[in-house]
Amino acid sequence: MDKRLLARLALSEVDSLARAVLELHGFSREQALAVARTMVCGQRDECASHGVYRLLVCIATLKAGKVDPRAEPQVHDHAPGVVRVDAAGGFSQLAFDRGVPLLRRKAVDNGVAALVINRCVHFSALWVEIETLTDLGLVTLACNPSHAWVAPAGGRGPVFGTNPIAFGWPRPGKDPFVFDMATSAIARGDIELHRRAGKPVPLGWGVSADGEPTTSAEAVLQGAMLTFGGHKGSALAAMIELLAGPLIGDLTSAQSLAHDAGAGASPFHGELILAFDPRRFLGERYEHYLHSAETLFDSIEQQGARLPSARRYEARRRSLAQGVEINDELLDELNALLHR
C-alpha cells in the first residue's frame, strides 16, 4: 500500500486531535470530552463513518448555528421509571452521560427504566451508549430518528430517517452481545464516504431524485435512501419515528429536516433508551438464565456464524495494540481545522 495514503495514530493521539479541534472551535471541555470519546470509539473499532471523519460534520453543524457547543444538559426525575434529559441544543453525548446514573438507579429499583433525551443534536452510532450500559450489567435497547432521508417501501420520496435501533446484552467475562443497525439499507455516513472517494454505491442503497435506482452516491444523497428488507425495514423505521418522536415529545425525521432549513447540519431530535436489570427481573434465577443465554450464543458460533459486533471487537483489539489508520486526505482536513 502507498504509505502516503494512510497515517497511523495511537488512540491517544486521535483523542487529543478530536478534543483540540472541538475546544478550539468553542466547545466546552465537557462537551469536547464526551463527543471526542464517541469518535475515538468509532475509529478504534474501524467504523470509519462514525470515527473522526465526524469532526468535519460537527464543525459544519456548529458553523451553521445548529448546535450549542457549550450546552449544559439538565436532568429531570420525570417519573418512577423515566429519566428525562434536556440536551439544551447540544450534542447527545454529554446529555447521555448526565442521565446514566439516575437511569441505572431506576432500572435497579424497578427492573426497567427509560432515558429520554430531548432537544439533542445527533450524529453518532448507538453502540457506544449501549456498551456503557451493558458494562453496568443492564440489558439495553435504544433508538432515534434523524433527518428525512429515507423513502418508505413502495415510495420514492424521503419520509424516514436512517432511524437506527440498537440492543445490548451483558455477558460477564465476555464481550457483550450488541447490534446497532440503521433501518435504512446503509448508514448515510457510508454513502458520504463513497461520494468523497468517488466510488459507486451498490444498487439497493438508494434512488435518484426521480425515484430511479442508481449506483451514484451523489444521486442517492440528492434523492432518497432505501430501507433494508423492503416493507420490514420500513415498518421498523415507522415504529422508531413514533417511539423516539411523538411518544417522548420530540421531533420526527421530517420535522428535524424542516428545522435544519437547508443548513446541511446534523439532525436535531430526541432519543429513547430502555434499560432492563436482569437481576431485578430474575432474582435467584439470574445465573440460570444467563447460562441459558450463553447456550444460545454458543449454538450460533458453533455453526461458524458470527455474533453481531464480533468484527468490531476484533478491530478493537487490533487498534488497542497497533493504533489506527487514517486517510492522509482526511487527516489534512482535520489538521486544517486546528488553524481556523
C-alpha atoms as a PDB file:
ATOM      1  CA  MET A   1       0.000   0.000   0.000  1.00  0.00           C
ATOM      2  CA  ASP A   2       1.230   3.510  -0.800  1.00  0.00           C
ATOM      3  CA  LYS A   3       2.409   4.871   2.543  1.00  0.00           C
ATOM      4  CA  ARG A   4       1.359   8.372   1.511  1.00  0.00           C
ATOM      5  CA  LEU A   5      -2.295   7.346   1.601  1.00  0.00           C
ATOM      6  CA  LEU A   6      -2.519   6.375   5.270  1.00  0.00           C
ATOM      7  CA  ALA A   7      -1.224   7.669   8.573  1.00  0.00           C
ATOM      8  CA  ARG A   8      -1.094   5.535  11.722  1.00  0.00           C
ATOM      9  CA  LEU A   9      -2.014   7.194  15.005  1.00  0.00           C
ATOM     10  CA  ALA A  10      -2.234   5.931  18.568  1.00  0.00           C
ATOM     11  CA  LEU A  11      -5.728   6.164  20.028  1.00  0.00           C
ATOM     12  CA  SER A  12      -4.456   8.768  22.493  1.00  0.00           C
ATOM     13  CA  GLU A  13      -3.375  10.909  19.526  1.00  0.00           C
ATOM     14  CA  VAL A  14      -6.789  10.548  17.895  1.00  0.00           C
ATOM     15  CA  ASP A  15      -8.449  11.608  21.147  1.00  0.00           C
ATOM     16  CA  SER A  16      -6.129  14.595  21.550  1.00  0.00           C
ATOM     17  CA  LEU A  17      -6.754  15.695  17.960  1.00  0.00           C
ATOM     18  CA  ALA A  18     -10.526  15.448  18.310  1.00  0.00           C
ATOM     19  CA  ARG A  19     -10.613  17.325  21.613  1.00  0.00           C
ATOM     20  CA  ALA A  20      -8.242  20.007  20.323  1.00  0.00           C
ATOM     21  CA  VAL A  21     -10.403  20.655  17.260  1.00  0.00           C
ATOM     22  CA  LEU A  22     -13.600  20.800  19.285  1.00  0.00           C
ATOM     23  CA  GLU A  23     -12.237  23.074  22.020  1.00  0.00           C
ATOM     24  CA  LEU A  24     -10.572  25.394  19.513  1.00  0.00           C
ATOM     25  CA  HIS A  25     -13.945  25.887  17.848  1.00  0.00           C
ATOM     26  CA  GLY A  26     -15.617  26.782  21.121  1.00  0.00           C
ATOM     27  CA  PHE A  27     -16.918  23.552  22.604  1.00  0.00           C
ATOM     28  CA  SER A  28     -16.779  23.384  26.383  1.00  0.00           C
ATOM     29  CA  ARG A  29     -14.321  20.927  27.879  1.00  0.00           C
ATOM     30  CA  GLU A  30     -17.096  18.569  28.998  1.00  0.00           C
ATOM     31  CA  GLN A  31     -18.803  18.671  25.592  1.00  0.00           C
ATOM     32  CA  ALA A  32     -15.481  18.074  23.825  1.00  0.00           C
ATOM     33  CA  LEU A  33     -14.560  15.138  26.050  1.00  0.00           C
ATOM     34  CA  ALA A  34     -17.906  13.407  25.525  1.00  0.00           C
ATOM     35  CA  VAL A  35     -18.051  13.973  21.759  1.00  0.00           C
ATOM     36  CA  ALA A  36     -14.406  13.041  21.194  1.00  0.00           C
ATOM     37  CA  ARG A  37     -14.815   9.801  23.142  1.00  0.00           C
ATOM     38  CA  THR A  38     -17.564   8.654  20.789  1.00  0.00           C
ATOM     39  CA  MET A  39     -15.462   9.423  17.713  1.00  0.00           C
ATOM     40  CA  VAL A  40     -12.438   7.619  19.136  1.00  0.00           C
ATOM     41  CA  CYS A  41     -14.601   4.555  19.773  1.00  0.00           C
ATOM     42  CA  GLY A  42     -15.751   4.602  16.146  1.00  0.00           C
ATOM     43  CA  GLN A  43     -12.186   4.937  14.845  1.00  0.00           C
ATOM     44  CA  ARG A  44     -10.930   2.296  17.280  1.00  0.00           C
ATOM     45  CA  ASP A  45     -13.499  -0.249  16.093  1.00  0.00           C
ATOM     46  CA  GLU A  46     -12.752   0.526  12.413  1.00  0.00           C
ATOM     47  CA  CYS A  47     -16.171   2.087  11.850  1.00  0.00           C
ATOM     48  CA  ALA A  48     -14.795   4.907   9.703  1.00  0.00           C
ATOM     49  CA  SER A  49     -18.165   6.503   9.020  1.00  0.00           C
ATOM     50  CA  HIS A  50     -18.551   7.127  12.771  1.00  0.00           C
ATOM     51  CA  GLY A  51     -14.924   7.965  13.534  1.00  0.00           C
ATOM     52  CA  VAL A  52     -13.024  11.243  13.374  1.00  0.00           C
ATOM     53  CA  TYR A  53     -14.482  11.956   9.944  1.00  0.00           C
ATOM     54  CA  ARG A  54     -17.434  13.171  12.017  1.00  0.00           C
ATOM     55  CA  LEU A  55     -15.350  16.115  13.225  1.00  0.00           C
ATOM     56  CA  LEU A  56     -15.997  17.682   9.825  1.00  0.00           C
ATOM     57  CA  VAL A  57     -19.721  17.172  10.366  1.00  0.00           C
ATOM     58  CA  CYS A  58     -19.611  18.591  13.891  1.00  0.00           C
ATOM     59  CA  ILE A  59     -17.794  21.756  12.869  1.00  0.00           C
ATOM     60  CA  ALA A  60     -20.074  22.232   9.855  1.00  0.00           C
ATOM     61  CA  THR A  61     -23.079  21.894  12.176  1.00  0.00           C
ATOM     62  CA  LEU A  62     -21.540  24.448  14.533  1.00  0.00           C
ATOM     63  CA  LYS A  63     -20.859  26.922  11.720  1.00  0.00           C
ATOM     64  CA  ALA A  64     -24.455  26.514  10.553  1.00  0.00           C
ATOM     65  CA  GLY A  65     -25.605  27.633  14.005  1.00  0.00           C
ATOM     66  CA  LYS A  66     -27.390  24.338  14.640  1.00  0.00           C
ATOM     67  CA  VAL A  67     -25.639  23.175  17.823  1.00  0.00           C
ATOM     68  CA  ASP A  68     -24.801  24.866  21.118  1.00  0.00           C
ATOM     69  CA  PRO A  69     -21.155  23.992  21.823  1.00  0.00           C
ATOM     70  CA  ARG A  70     -21.438  24.960  25.492  1.00  0.00           C
ATOM     71  CA  ALA A  71     -24.839  23.442  26.238  1.00  0.00           C
ATOM     72  CA  GLU A  72     -25.448  22.302  29.812  1.00  0.00           C
ATOM     73  CA  PRO A  73     -27.825  19.313  29.805  1.00  0.00           C
ATOM     74  CA  GLN A  74     -30.463  19.289  32.538  1.00  0.00           C
ATOM     75  CA  VAL A  75     -31.539  16.019  34.169  1.00  0.00           C
ATOM     76  CA  HIS A  76     -35.148  15.661  35.346  1.00  0.00           C
ATOM     77  CA  ASP A  77     -36.551  12.849  37.505  1.00  0.00           C
ATOM     78  CA  HIS A  78     -39.664  12.721  35.366  1.00  0.00           C
ATOM     79  CA  ALA A  79     -41.469   9.629  36.690  1.00  0.00           C
ATOM     80  CA  PRO A  80     -40.682   6.485  38.734  1.00  0.00           C
ATOM     81  CA  GLY A  81     -39.408   4.747  35.605  1.00  0.00           C
ATOM     82  CA  VAL A  82     -38.453   7.704  33.438  1.00  0.00           C
ATOM     83  CA  VAL A  83     -35.401   9.979  33.353  1.00  0.00           C
ATOM     84  CA  ARG A  84     -35.682  12.971  31.045  1.00  0.00           C
ATOM     85  CA  VAL A  85     -32.610  14.943  29.981  1.00  0.00           C
ATOM     86  CA  ASP A  86     -32.893  18.231  28.130  1.00  0.00           C
ATOM     87  CA  ALA A  87     -29.759  18.368  25.976  1.00  0.00           C
ATOM     88  CA  ALA A  88     -30.397  22.112  25.507  1.00  0.00           C
ATOM     89  CA  GLY A  89     -29.411  22.048  21.850  1.00  0.00           C
ATOM     90  CA  GLY A  90     -26.054  20.352  22.385  1.00  0.00           C
ATOM     91  CA  PHE A  91     -24.785  17.059  21.018  1.00  0.00           C
ATOM     92  CA  SER A  92     -26.355  13.976  22.580  1.00  0.00           C
ATOM     93  CA  GLN A  93     -23.254  12.506  24.236  1.00  0.00           C
ATOM     94  CA  LEU A  94     -22.999  14.720  27.310  1.00  0.00           C
ATOM     95  CA  ALA A  95     -26.764  14.514  27.862  1.00  0.00           C
ATOM     96  CA  PHE A  96     -26.493  10.724  27.842  1.00  0.00           C
ATOM     97  CA  ASP A  97     -23.589  10.777  30.285  1.00  0.00           C
ATOM     98  CA  ARG A  98     -25.523  13.036  32.643  1.00  0.00           C
ATOM     99  CA  GLY A  99     -28.595  10.796  32.564  1.00  0.00           C
ATOM    100  CA  VAL A 100     -26.936   7.401  33.079  1.00  0.00           C
ATOM    101  CA  PRO A 101     -26.516   7.451  36.899  1.00  0.00           C
ATOM    102  CA  LEU A 102     -30.223   8.099  37.537  1.00  0.00           C
ATOM    103  CA  LEU A 103     -31.238   5.671  34.771  1.00  0.00           C
ATOM    104  CA  ARG A 104     -29.181   2.949  36.422  1.00  0.00           C
ATOM    105  CA  ARG A 105     -30.742   3.567  39.844  1.00  0.00           C
ATOM    106  CA  LYS A 106     -34.246   3.450  38.418  1.00  0.00           C
ATOM    107  CA  ALA A 107     -33.547   0.276  36.430  1.00  0.00           C
ATOM    108  CA  VAL A 108     -32.173  -1.448  39.545  1.00  0.00           C
ATOM    109  CA  ASP A 109     -35.168  -0.300  41.626  1.00  0.00           C
ATOM    110  CA  ASN A 110     -37.907  -1.038  39.078  1.00  0.00           C
ATOM    111  CA  GLY A 111     -36.408  -3.679  36.795  1.00  0.00           C
ATOM    112  CA  VAL A 112     -36.855  -1.422  33.786  1.00  0.00           C
ATOM    113  CA  ALA A 113     -36.400   2.309  33.194  1.00  0.00           C
ATOM    114  CA  ALA A 114     -36.342   4.726  30.277  1.00  0.00           C
ATOM    115  CA  LEU A 115     -33.909   7.514  29.494  1.00  0.00           C
ATOM    116  CA  VAL A 116     -35.436  10.201  27.288  1.00  0.00           C
ATOM    117  CA  ILE A 117     -33.054  12.695  25.707  1.00  0.00           C
ATOM    118  CA  ASN A 118     -34.775  15.748  24.247  1.00  0.00           C
ATOM    119  CA  ARG A 119     -33.526  18.597  22.049  1.00  0.00           C
ATOM    120  CA  CYS A 120     -30.236  16.947  21.141  1.00  0.00           C
ATOM    121  CA  VAL A 121     -28.115  17.155  18.006  1.00  0.00           C
ATOM    122  CA  HIS A 122     -27.172  13.624  16.969  1.00  0.00           C
ATOM    123  CA  PHE A 123     -24.502  12.196  14.676  1.00  0.00           C
ATOM    124  CA  SER A 124     -23.176   9.097  16.399  1.00  0.00           C
ATOM    125  CA  ALA A 125     -23.549   5.338  16.471  1.00  0.00           C
ATOM    126  CA  LEU A 126     -25.680   3.978  19.318  1.00  0.00           C
ATOM    127  CA  TRP A 127     -23.456   1.037  20.250  1.00  0.00           C
ATOM    128  CA  VAL A 128     -21.149   3.338  22.243  1.00  0.00           C
ATOM    129  CA  GLU A 129     -24.047   4.149  24.564  1.00  0.00           C
ATOM    130  CA  ILE A 130     -25.258   0.543  24.567  1.00  0.00           C
ATOM    131  CA  GLU A 131     -21.860  -0.712  25.739  1.00  0.00           C
ATOM    132  CA  THR A 132     -21.790   1.886  28.523  1.00  0.00           C
ATOM    133  CA  LEU A 133     -24.950   0.292  29.902  1.00  0.00           C
ATOM    134  CA  THR A 134     -24.039  -3.360  29.291  1.00  0.00           C
ATOM    135  CA  ASP A 135     -20.847  -2.620  31.255  1.00  0.00           C
ATOM    136  CA  LEU A 136     -23.201  -1.808  34.144  1.00  0.00           C
ATOM    137  CA  GLY A 137     -24.921  -5.191  33.756  1.00  0.00           C
ATOM    138  CA  LEU A 138     -28.021  -3.783  32.044  1.00  0.00           C
ATOM    139  CA  VAL A 139     -29.846  -5.144  29.007  1.00  0.00           C
ATOM    140  CA  THR A 140     -30.431  -2.172  26.751  1.00  0.00           C
ATOM    141  CA  LEU A 141     -32.452  -1.028  23.751  1.00  0.00           C
ATOM    142  CA  ALA A 142     -32.036   2.383  22.077  1.00  0.00           C
ATOM    143  CA  CYS A 143     -33.418   4.154  19.010  1.00  0.00           C
ATOM    144  CA  ASN A 144     -33.738   7.581  17.437  1.00  0.00           C
ATOM    145  CA  PRO A 145     -34.983   9.293  14.250  1.00  0.00           C
ATOM    146  CA  SER A 146     -32.704  11.510  12.152  1.00  0.00           C
ATOM    147  CA  HIS A 147     -33.377  13.670   9.065  1.00  0.00           C
ATOM    148  CA  ALA A 148     -35.958  12.552   6.498  1.00  0.00           C
ATOM    149  CA  TRP A 149     -33.583  10.955   4.001  1.00  0.00           C
ATOM    150  CA  VAL A 150     -35.222   7.548   3.504  1.00  0.00           C
ATOM    151  CA  ALA A 151     -38.180   6.564   1.336  1.00  0.00           C
ATOM    152  CA  PRO A 152     -40.808   4.156   2.689  1.00  0.00           C
ATOM    153  CA  ALA A 153     -41.222   0.800   0.972  1.00  0.00           C
ATOM    154  CA  GLY A 154     -43.200   1.367  -2.226  1.00  0.00           C
ATOM    155  CA  GLY A 155     -42.457   5.103  -2.200  1.00  0.00           C
ATOM    156  CA  ARG A 156     -39.776   7.286  -3.699  1.00  0.00           C
ATOM    157  CA  GLY A 157     -39.714  10.413  -1.539  1.00  0.00           C
ATOM    158  CA  PRO A 158     -37.904  10.766   1.821  1.00  0.00           C
ATOM    159  CA  VAL A 159     -40.088  10.290   4.918  1.00  0.00           C
ATOM    160  CA  PHE A 160     -37.991   8.401   7.468  1.00  0.00           C
ATOM    161  CA  GLY A 161     -34.566   8.988   8.883  1.00  0.00           C
ATOM    162  CA  THR A 162     -31.914   6.298   8.879  1.00  0.00           C
ATOM    163  CA  ASN A 163     -33.582   5.513  12.222  1.00  0.00           C
ATOM    164  CA  PRO A 164     -31.100   3.230  13.975  1.00  0.00           C
ATOM    165  CA  ILE A 165     -32.073   0.676  16.580  1.00  0.00           C
ATOM    166  CA  ALA A 166     -29.528  -0.936  18.891  1.00  0.00           C
ATOM    167  CA  PHE A 167     -29.635  -3.687  21.502  1.00  0.00           C
ATOM    168  CA  GLY A 168     -27.158  -4.919  24.093  1.00  0.00           C
ATOM    169  CA  TRP A 169     -26.955  -7.992  26.344  1.00  0.00           C
ATOM    170  CA  PRO A 170     -24.220  -8.121  29.003  1.00  0.00           C
ATOM    171  CA  ARG A 171     -22.042 -11.254  29.090  1.00  0.00           C
ATOM    172  CA  PRO A 172     -19.877 -11.374  32.236  1.00  0.00           C
ATOM    173  CA  GLY A 173     -16.279 -12.060  31.287  1.00  0.00           C
ATOM    174  CA  LYS A 174     -17.021 -11.741  27.565  1.00  0.00           C
ATOM    175  CA  ASP A 175     -17.738  -9.033  25.030  1.00  0.00           C
ATOM    176  CA  PRO A 176     -21.419  -8.081  25.215  1.00  0.00           C
ATOM    177  CA  PHE A 177     -23.886  -9.171  22.570  1.00  0.00           C
ATOM    178  CA  VAL A 178     -24.582  -5.912  20.722  1.00  0.00           C
ATOM    179  CA  PHE A 179     -26.184  -4.999  17.455  1.00  0.00           C
ATOM    180  CA  ASP A 180     -26.608  -1.483  16.135  1.00  0.00           C
ATOM    181  CA  MET A 181     -28.250  -1.132  12.753  1.00  0.00           C
ATOM    182  CA  ALA A 182     -29.856   1.538  10.673  1.00  0.00           C
ATOM    183  CA  THR A 183     -33.278   0.666   9.335  1.00  0.00           C
ATOM    184  CA  SER A 184     -32.033   2.157   6.077  1.00  0.00           C
ATOM    185  CA  ALA A 185     -30.058  -0.155   3.783  1.00  0.00           C
ATOM    186  CA  ILE A 186     -26.840   1.536   4.950  1.00  0.00           C
ATOM    187  CA  ALA A 187     -25.776   4.402   7.205  1.00  0.00           C
ATOM    188  CA  ARG A 188     -25.779   7.779   5.465  1.00  0.00           C
ATOM    189  CA  GLY A 189     -22.176   8.345   6.506  1.00  0.00           C
ATOM    190  CA  ASP A 190     -21.144   5.342   4.404  1.00  0.00           C
ATOM    191  CA  ILE A 191     -22.759   6.890   1.325  1.00  0.00           C
ATOM    192  CA  GLU A 192     -20.976  10.165   2.039  1.00  0.00           C
ATOM    193  CA  LEU A 193     -17.646   8.321   2.307  1.00  0.00           C
ATOM    194  CA  HIS A 194     -18.328   6.696  -1.084  1.00  0.00           C
ATOM    195  CA  ARG A 195     -19.061  10.142  -2.528  1.00  0.00           C
ATOM    196  CA  ARG A 196     -15.836  11.555  -1.118  1.00  0.00           C
ATOM    197  CA  ALA A 197     -13.864   8.634  -2.577  1.00  0.00           C
ATOM    198  CA  GLY A 198     -15.617   8.821  -5.965  1.00  0.00           C
ATOM    199  CA  LYS A 199     -16.835   5.238  -5.589  1.00  0.00           C
ATOM    200  CA  PRO A 200     -20.205   3.867  -6.788  1.00  0.00           C
ATOM    201  CA  VAL A 201     -22.636   2.507  -4.211  1.00  0.00           C
ATOM    202  CA  PRO A 202     -24.392  -0.854  -4.586  1.00  0.00           C
ATOM    203  CA  LEU A 203     -27.840  -0.963  -6.122  1.00  0.00           C
ATOM    204  CA  GLY A 204     -30.453  -1.025  -3.377  1.00  0.00           C
ATOM    205  CA  TRP A 205     -28.881   1.656  -1.229  1.00  0.00           C
ATOM    206  CA  GLY A 206     -30.984   4.422  -2.707  1.00  0.00           C
ATOM    207  CA  VAL A 207     -32.707   6.077  -5.632  1.00  0.00           C
ATOM    208  CA  SER A 208     -32.190   9.294  -7.551  1.00  0.00           C
ATOM    209  CA  ALA A 209     -34.395  12.364  -7.169  1.00  0.00           C
ATOM    210  CA  ASP A 210     -36.731  10.970  -9.849  1.00  0.00           C
ATOM    211  CA  GLY A 211     -37.054   7.672  -7.982  1.00  0.00           C
ATOM    212  CA  GLU A 212     -34.818   5.598 -10.257  1.00  0.00           C
ATOM    213  CA  PRO A 213     -32.330   3.009  -8.928  1.00  0.00           C
ATOM    214  CA  THR A 214     -28.770   4.337  -9.047  1.00  0.00           C
ATOM    215  CA  THR A 215     -25.194   3.486  -8.100  1.00  0.00           C
ATOM    216  CA  SER A 216     -24.210   7.163  -7.843  1.00  0.00           C
ATOM    217  CA  ALA A 217     -23.560   8.198  -4.261  1.00  0.00           C
ATOM    218  CA  GLU A 218     -24.224  11.831  -5.191  1.00  0.00           C
ATOM    219  CA  ALA A 219     -27.553  10.915  -6.799  1.00  0.00           C
ATOM    220  CA  VAL A 220     -28.643   8.993  -3.689  1.00  0.00           C
ATOM    221  CA  LEU A 221     -27.697  11.920  -1.444  1.00  0.00           C
ATOM    222  CA  GLN A 222     -29.813  14.186  -3.652  1.00  0.00           C
ATOM    223  CA  GLY A 223     -32.631  11.626  -3.920  1.00  0.00           C
ATOM    224  CA  ALA A 224     -33.621   9.136  -1.245  1.00  0.00           C
ATOM    225  CA  MET A 225     -32.096   6.236   0.608  1.00  0.00           C
ATOM    226  CA  LEU A 226     -33.975   2.942   0.896  1.00  0.00           C
ATOM    227  CA  THR A 227     -34.885   0.825   3.913  1.00  0.00           C
ATOM    228  CA  PHE A 228     -33.365  -2.599   4.395  1.00  0.00           C
ATOM    229  CA  GLY A 229     -35.663  -5.568   3.805  1.00  0.00           C
ATOM    230  CA  GLY A 230     -38.336  -3.598   1.964  1.00  0.00           C
ATOM    231  CA  HIS A 231     -41.569  -3.362   3.962  1.00  0.00           C
ATOM    232  CA  LYS A 232     -39.963  -4.895   7.089  1.00  0.00           C
ATOM    233  CA  GLY A 233     -37.353  -2.178   7.441  1.00  0.00           C
ATOM    234  CA  SER A 234     -39.996   0.384   6.548  1.00  0.00           C
ATOM    235  CA  ALA A 235     -42.265  -0.780   9.396  1.00  0.00           C
ATOM    236  CA  LEU A 236     -39.383  -0.669  11.882  1.00  0.00           C
ATOM    237  CA  ALA A 237     -38.472   2.831  10.710  1.00  0.00           C
ATOM    238  CA  ALA A 238     -42.061   3.974  11.292  1.00  0.00           C
ATOM    239  CA  MET A 239     -42.039   2.419  14.777  1.00  0.00           C
ATOM    240  CA  ILE A 240     -38.859   4.320  15.674  1.00  0.00           C
ATOM    241  CA  GLU A 241     -40.333   7.588  14.376  1.00  0.00           C
ATOM    242  CA  LEU A 242     -43.208   7.101  16.841  1.00  0.00           C
ATOM    243  CA  LEU A 243     -41.264   5.788  19.854  1.00  0.00           C
ATOM    244  CA  ALA A 244     -38.466   8.350  19.698  1.00  0.00           C
ATOM    245  CA  GLY A 245     -40.574  11.205  18.312  1.00  0.00           C
ATOM    246  CA  PRO A 246     -44.166  11.849  19.427  1.00  0.00           C
ATOM    247  CA  LEU A 247     -44.005   9.435  22.386  1.00  0.00           C
ATOM    248  CA  ILE A 248     -41.158  11.368  24.026  1.00  0.00           C
ATOM    249  CA  GLY A 249     -42.353  14.815  22.958  1.00  0.00           C
ATOM    250  CA  ASP A 250     -39.778  15.399  20.259  1.00  0.00           C
ATOM    251  CA  LEU A 251     -39.376  15.755  16.500  1.00  0.00           C
ATOM    252  CA  THR A 252     -39.914  13.276  13.698  1.00  0.00           C
ATOM    253  CA  SER A 253     -37.299  12.986  10.958  1.00  0.00           C
ATOM    254  CA  ALA A 254     -39.347  15.234   8.666  1.00  0.00           C
ATOM    255  CA  GLN A 255     -39.603  17.871  11.393  1.00  0.00           C
ATOM    256  CA  SER A 256     -35.865  17.592  12.060  1.00  0.00           C
ATOM    257  CA  LEU A 257     -35.144  18.225   8.385  1.00  0.00           C
ATOM    258  CA  ALA A 258     -37.512  21.214   8.410  1.00  0.00           C
ATOM    259  CA  HIS A 259     -35.692  22.589  11.463  1.00  0.00           C
ATOM    260  CA  ASP A 260     -32.422  22.246   9.519  1.00  0.00           C
ATOM    261  CA  ALA A 261     -33.839  24.600   6.854  1.00  0.00           C
ATOM    262  CA  GLY A 262     -31.233  23.646   4.272  1.00  0.00           C
ATOM    263  CA  ALA A 263     -28.205  24.161   6.551  1.00  0.00           C
ATOM    264  CA  GLY A 264     -26.940  20.610   5.983  1.00  0.00           C
ATOM    265  CA  ALA A 265     -26.315  20.151   9.713  1.00  0.00           C
ATOM    266  CA  SER A 266     -26.656  17.046  11.875  1.00  0.00           C
ATOM    267  CA  PRO A 267     -30.205  16.035  12.848  1.00  0.00           C
ATOM    268  CA  PHE A 268     -31.992  17.655  15.796  1.00  0.00           C
ATOM    269  CA  HIS A 269     -34.414  15.369  17.641  1.00  0.00           C
ATOM    270  CA  GLY A 270     -34.759  13.067  20.645  1.00  0.00           C
ATOM    271  CA  GLU A 271     -33.522   9.647  21.670  1.00  0.00           C
ATOM    272  CA  LEU A 272     -35.135   6.839  23.668  1.00  0.00           C
ATOM    273  CA  ILE A 273     -33.062   4.372  25.701  1.00  0.00           C
ATOM    274  CA  LEU A 274     -34.608   1.490  27.653  1.00  0.00           C
ATOM    275  CA  ALA A 275     -32.599  -0.279  30.357  1.00  0.00           C
ATOM    276  CA  PHE A 276     -33.559  -3.616  31.931  1.00  0.00           C
ATOM    277  CA  ASP A 277     -31.901  -5.007  35.064  1.00  0.00           C
ATOM    278  CA  PRO A 278     -31.814  -8.808  34.634  1.00  0.00           C
ATOM    279  CA  ARG A 279     -31.044  -9.301  38.328  1.00  0.00           C
ATOM    280  CA  ARG A 280     -34.250  -7.481  39.245  1.00  0.00           C
ATOM    281  CA  PHE A 281     -36.235  -9.483  36.682  1.00  0.00           C
ATOM    282  CA  LEU A 282     -34.806 -12.875  37.656  1.00  0.00           C
ATOM    283  CA  GLY A 283     -33.741 -12.709  41.289  1.00  0.00           C
ATOM    284  CA  GLU A 284     -32.273 -16.053  42.372  1.00  0.00           C
ATOM    285  CA  ARG A 285     -32.807 -17.422  38.834  1.00  0.00           C
ATOM    286  CA  TYR A 286     -30.336 -14.879  37.416  1.00  0.00           C
ATOM    287  CA  GLU A 287     -27.384 -17.243  36.987  1.00  0.00           C
ATOM    288  CA  HIS A 288     -29.552 -19.981  35.470  1.00  0.00           C
ATOM    289  CA  TYR A 289     -30.976 -17.768  32.742  1.00  0.00           C
ATOM    290  CA  LEU A 290     -27.685 -16.059  31.994  1.00  0.00           C
ATOM    291  CA  HIS A 291     -26.326 -19.543  31.330  1.00  0.00           C
ATOM    292  CA  SER A 292     -29.352 -20.194  29.106  1.00  0.00           C
ATOM    293  CA  ALA A 293     -28.417 -17.117  27.075  1.00  0.00           C
ATOM    294  CA  GLU A 294     -24.867 -18.423  26.670  1.00  0.00           C
ATOM    295  CA  THR A 295     -26.167 -21.681  25.183  1.00  0.00           C
ATOM    296  CA  LEU A 296     -27.958 -19.565  22.555  1.00  0.00           C
ATOM    297  CA  PHE A 297     -24.771 -17.705  21.662  1.00  0.00           C
ATOM    298  CA  ASP A 298     -22.817 -20.976  21.577  1.00  0.00           C
ATOM    299  CA  SER A 299     -25.330 -22.532  19.193  1.00  0.00           C
ATOM    300  CA  ILE A 300     -24.761 -19.630  16.796  1.00  0.00           C
ATOM    301  CA  GLU A 301     -20.984 -19.620  16.933  1.00  0.00           C
ATOM    302  CA  GLN A 302     -20.606 -23.417  16.804  1.00  0.00           C
ATOM    303  CA  GLN A 303     -22.072 -23.299  13.279  1.00  0.00           C
ATOM    304  CA  GLY A 304     -19.333 -20.917  12.208  1.00  0.00           C
ATOM    305  CA  ALA A 305     -21.663 -17.927  12.276  1.00  0.00           C
ATOM    306  CA  ARG A 306     -20.543 -14.632  13.781  1.00  0.00           C
ATOM    307  CA  LEU A 307     -22.316 -12.804  16.539  1.00  0.00           C
ATOM    308  CA  PRO A 308     -23.100  -9.152  15.783  1.00  0.00           C
ATOM    309  CA  SER A 309     -20.194  -6.825  16.603  1.00  0.00           C
ATOM    310  CA  ALA A 310     -17.631  -9.671  16.502  1.00  0.00           C
ATOM    311  CA  ARG A 311     -15.716  -7.830  13.767  1.00  0.00           C
ATOM    312  CA  ARG A 312     -15.801  -4.635  15.828  1.00  0.00           C
ATOM    313  CA  TYR A 313     -14.331  -6.391  18.827  1.00  0.00           C
ATOM    314  CA  GLU A 314     -11.580  -7.924  16.686  1.00  0.00           C
ATOM    315  CA  ALA A 315     -10.826  -4.481  15.257  1.00  0.00           C
ATOM    316  CA  ARG A 316     -10.795  -3.024  18.761  1.00  0.00           C
ATOM    317  CA  ARG A 317      -8.162  -5.436  19.973  1.00  0.00           C
ATOM    318  CA  ARG A 318      -6.095  -4.716  16.883  1.00  0.00           C
ATOM    319  CA  SER A 319      -6.392  -0.943  17.336  1.00  0.00           C
ATOM    320  CA  LEU A 320      -5.549  -1.047  21.030  1.00  0.00           C
ATOM    321  CA  ALA A 321      -2.333  -2.854  20.148  1.00  0.00           C
ATOM    322  CA  GLN A 322      -1.380  -1.142  16.890  1.00  0.00           C
ATOM    323  CA  GLY A 323      -3.192   2.196  16.716  1.00  0.00           C
ATOM    324  CA  VAL A 324      -5.457   3.175  13.822  1.00  0.00           C
ATOM    325  CA  GLU A 325      -5.008   4.201  10.208  1.00  0.00           C
ATOM    326  CA  ILE A 326      -6.478   7.458   8.916  1.00  0.00           C
ATOM    327  CA  ASN A 327      -6.525   8.541   5.308  1.00  0.00           C
ATOM    328  CA  ASP A 328      -3.981  11.323   4.710  1.00  0.00           C
ATOM    329  CA  GLU A 329      -6.532  13.475   2.914  1.00  0.00           C
ATOM    330  CA  LEU A 330      -8.896  13.306   5.874  1.00  0.00           C
ATOM    331  CA  LEU A 331      -6.069  13.927   8.320  1.00  0.00           C
ATOM    332  CA  ASP A 332      -5.076  17.049   6.373  1.00  0.00           C
ATOM    333  CA  GLU A 333      -8.669  18.296   6.576  1.00  0.00           C
ATOM    334  CA  LEU A 334      -8.760  17.679  10.321  1.00  0.00           C
ATOM    335  CA  ASN A 335      -5.433  19.381  10.909  1.00  0.00           C
ATOM    336  CA  ALA A 336      -6.705  22.349   8.880  1.00  0.00           C
ATOM    337  CA  LEU A 337      -9.459  22.721  11.499  1.00  0.00           C
ATOM    338  CA  LEU A 338      -6.706  23.480  14.011  1.00  0.00           C
ATOM    339  CA  HIS A 339      -5.817  26.613  12.019  1.00  0.00           C
ATOM    340  CA  ARG A 340      -9.090  28.475  11.786  1.00  0.00           C
END
